Amino acid sequence: LESWLRQQGVGDLSEVRIAVLEPTGKVSVSRGDERPGLFRQLGEQ
């Protein structure tokens, strides 16, 4: 998953929120934007 995140252009993994969507098991990845509390959806795998 970490290599896939880097392919998406995610450099700082500490700002990334990863959530597993039950019951599908998909992984939802979002990263904090410039503004606090605002998260931008990066994609699903």
N, C-alpha and C. Protein backbone atom coordinates (compact mmCIF):
# COMPACT_ATOMS: atom_id res chain seq x y z
N LEU A 1 0.84 -1.20 0.00
CA LEU A 1 0.00 0.00 0.00
C LEU A 1 0.88 1.25 0.00
N GLU A 2 1.98 1.19 0.68
CA GLU A 2 2.84 2.37 0.77
C GLU A 2 3.43 2.73 -0.59
N SER A 3 3.81 1.69 -1.36
CA SER A 3 4.35 1.98 -2.70
C SER A 3 3.26 2.55 -3.60
N TRP A 4 2.01 2.08 -3.43
CA TRP A 4 0.91 2.62 -4.23
C TRP A 4 0.67 4.09 -3.88
N LEU A 5 0.80 4.43 -2.59
CA LEU A 5 0.63 5.82 -2.17
C LEU A 5 1.69 6.70 -2.80
N ARG A 6 2.91 6.20 -2.87
CA ARG A 6 3.98 7.00 -3.47
C ARG A 6 3.76 7.17 -4.97
N GLN A 7 3.13 6.19 -5.59
CA GLN A 7 2.80 6.33 -7.02
C GLN A 7 1.76 7.42 -7.22
N GLN A 8 0.90 7.64 -6.22
CA GLN A 8 -0.12 8.67 -6.30
C GLN A 8 0.45 10.04 -5.98
N GLY A 9 1.73 10.09 -5.68
CA GLY A 9 2.35 11.38 -5.41
C GLY A 9 2.30 11.79 -3.95
N VAL A 10 2.06 10.83 -3.07
CA VAL A 10 2.02 11.15 -1.65
C VAL A 10 3.44 11.06 -1.10
N GLY A 11 3.97 12.18 -0.67
CA GLY A 11 5.33 12.17 -0.17
C GLY A 11 5.41 11.97 1.33
N ASP A 12 4.55 12.69 2.06
CA ASP A 12 4.59 12.63 3.52
C ASP A 12 3.47 11.73 4.01
N LEU A 13 3.82 10.50 4.38
CA LEU A 13 2.78 9.55 4.80
C LEU A 13 2.21 9.90 6.17
N SER A 14 2.86 10.79 6.90
CA SER A 14 2.34 11.14 8.22
C SER A 14 1.06 11.97 8.12
N GLU A 15 0.83 12.58 6.96
CA GLU A 15 -0.38 13.40 6.79
C GLU A 15 -1.52 12.61 6.15
N VAL A 16 -1.29 11.31 5.97
CA VAL A 16 -2.27 10.51 5.25
C VAL A 16 -3.16 9.77 6.22
N ARG A 17 -4.46 9.81 5.96
CA ARG A 17 -5.40 9.00 6.72
C ARG A 17 -5.83 7.82 5.86
N ILE A 18 -5.71 6.63 6.40
CA ILE A 18 -6.10 5.42 5.68
C ILE A 18 -7.24 4.76 6.43
N ALA A 19 -8.33 4.48 5.73
CA ALA A 19 -9.48 3.83 6.34
C ALA A 19 -9.89 2.65 5.48
N VAL A 20 -10.13 1.51 6.14
CA VAL A 20 -10.61 0.33 5.42
C VAL A 20 -12.13 0.37 5.44
N LEU A 21 -12.74 0.35 4.25
CA LEU A 21 -14.18 0.45 4.15
C LEU A 21 -14.79 -0.94 4.29
N GLU A 22 -15.46 -1.17 5.40
CA GLU A 22 -16.15 -2.44 5.60
C GLU A 22 -17.54 -2.34 4.99
N PRO A 23 -18.12 -3.44 4.46
CA PRO A 23 -17.51 -4.76 4.46
C PRO A 23 -16.76 -5.07 3.16
N THR A 24 -16.58 -4.07 2.31
CA THR A 24 -15.97 -4.34 1.01
C THR A 24 -14.48 -4.60 1.13
N GLY A 25 -13.84 -4.03 2.16
CA GLY A 25 -12.42 -4.22 2.33
C GLY A 25 -11.59 -3.26 1.48
N LYS A 26 -12.27 -2.33 0.79
CA LYS A 26 -11.53 -1.33 0.03
C LYS A 26 -10.80 -0.40 0.97
N VAL A 27 -9.73 0.18 0.47
CA VAL A 27 -8.95 1.10 1.29
C VAL A 27 -9.19 2.52 0.79
N SER A 28 -9.67 3.37 1.68
CA SER A 28 -9.89 4.77 1.35
C SER A 28 -8.73 5.58 1.90
N VAL A 29 -8.13 6.37 1.02
CA VAL A 29 -6.96 7.15 1.41
C VAL A 29 -7.25 8.63 1.22
N SER A 30 -6.99 9.43 2.25
CA SER A 30 -7.18 10.86 2.14
C SER A 30 -6.02 11.56 2.81
N ARG A 31 -5.70 12.74 2.33
CA ARG A 31 -4.57 13.51 2.86
C ARG A 31 -5.04 14.89 3.28
N GLY A 32 -4.44 15.38 4.38
CA GLY A 32 -4.80 16.71 4.85
C GLY A 32 -4.40 17.77 3.85
N ASP A 33 -5.28 18.72 3.65
CA ASP A 33 -5.00 19.80 2.72
C ASP A 33 -4.36 20.96 3.47
N GLU A 34 -4.22 22.10 2.78
CA GLU A 34 -3.62 23.26 3.43
C GLU A 34 -4.44 23.68 4.65
N ARG A 35 -5.77 23.64 4.50
CA ARG A 35 -6.63 24.09 5.59
C ARG A 35 -6.84 22.94 6.59
N PRO A 36 -6.75 23.21 7.87
CA PRO A 36 -6.94 22.17 8.89
C PRO A 36 -8.34 21.58 8.82
N GLY A 37 -8.43 20.27 8.97
CA GLY A 37 -9.73 19.63 9.00
C GLY A 37 -10.26 19.28 7.62
N LEU A 38 -9.60 19.78 6.58
CA LEU A 38 -10.07 19.50 5.23
C LEU A 38 -9.23 18.38 4.65
N PHE A 39 -9.90 17.29 4.28
CA PHE A 39 -9.18 16.16 3.72
C PHE A 39 -9.64 15.93 2.29
N ARG A 40 -8.64 15.69 1.45
CA ARG A 40 -8.93 15.50 0.04
C ARG A 40 -8.82 14.01 -0.27
N GLN A 41 -9.84 13.49 -0.92
CA GLN A 41 -9.83 12.07 -1.25
C GLN A 41 -8.79 11.81 -2.33
N LEU A 42 -7.87 10.90 -2.04
CA LEU A 42 -6.81 10.59 -3.00
C LEU A 42 -7.18 9.41 -3.89
N GLY A 43 -8.04 8.54 -3.42
CA GLY A 43 -8.43 7.42 -4.25
C GLY A 43 -8.70 6.18 -3.42
N GLU A 44 -9.16 5.16 -4.12
CA GLU A 44 -9.45 3.89 -3.46
C GLU A 44 -8.72 2.79 -4.20
N GLN A 45 -8.38 1.76 -3.45
CA GLN A 45 -7.74 0.60 -4.08
C GLN A 45 -8.35 -0.67 -3.54
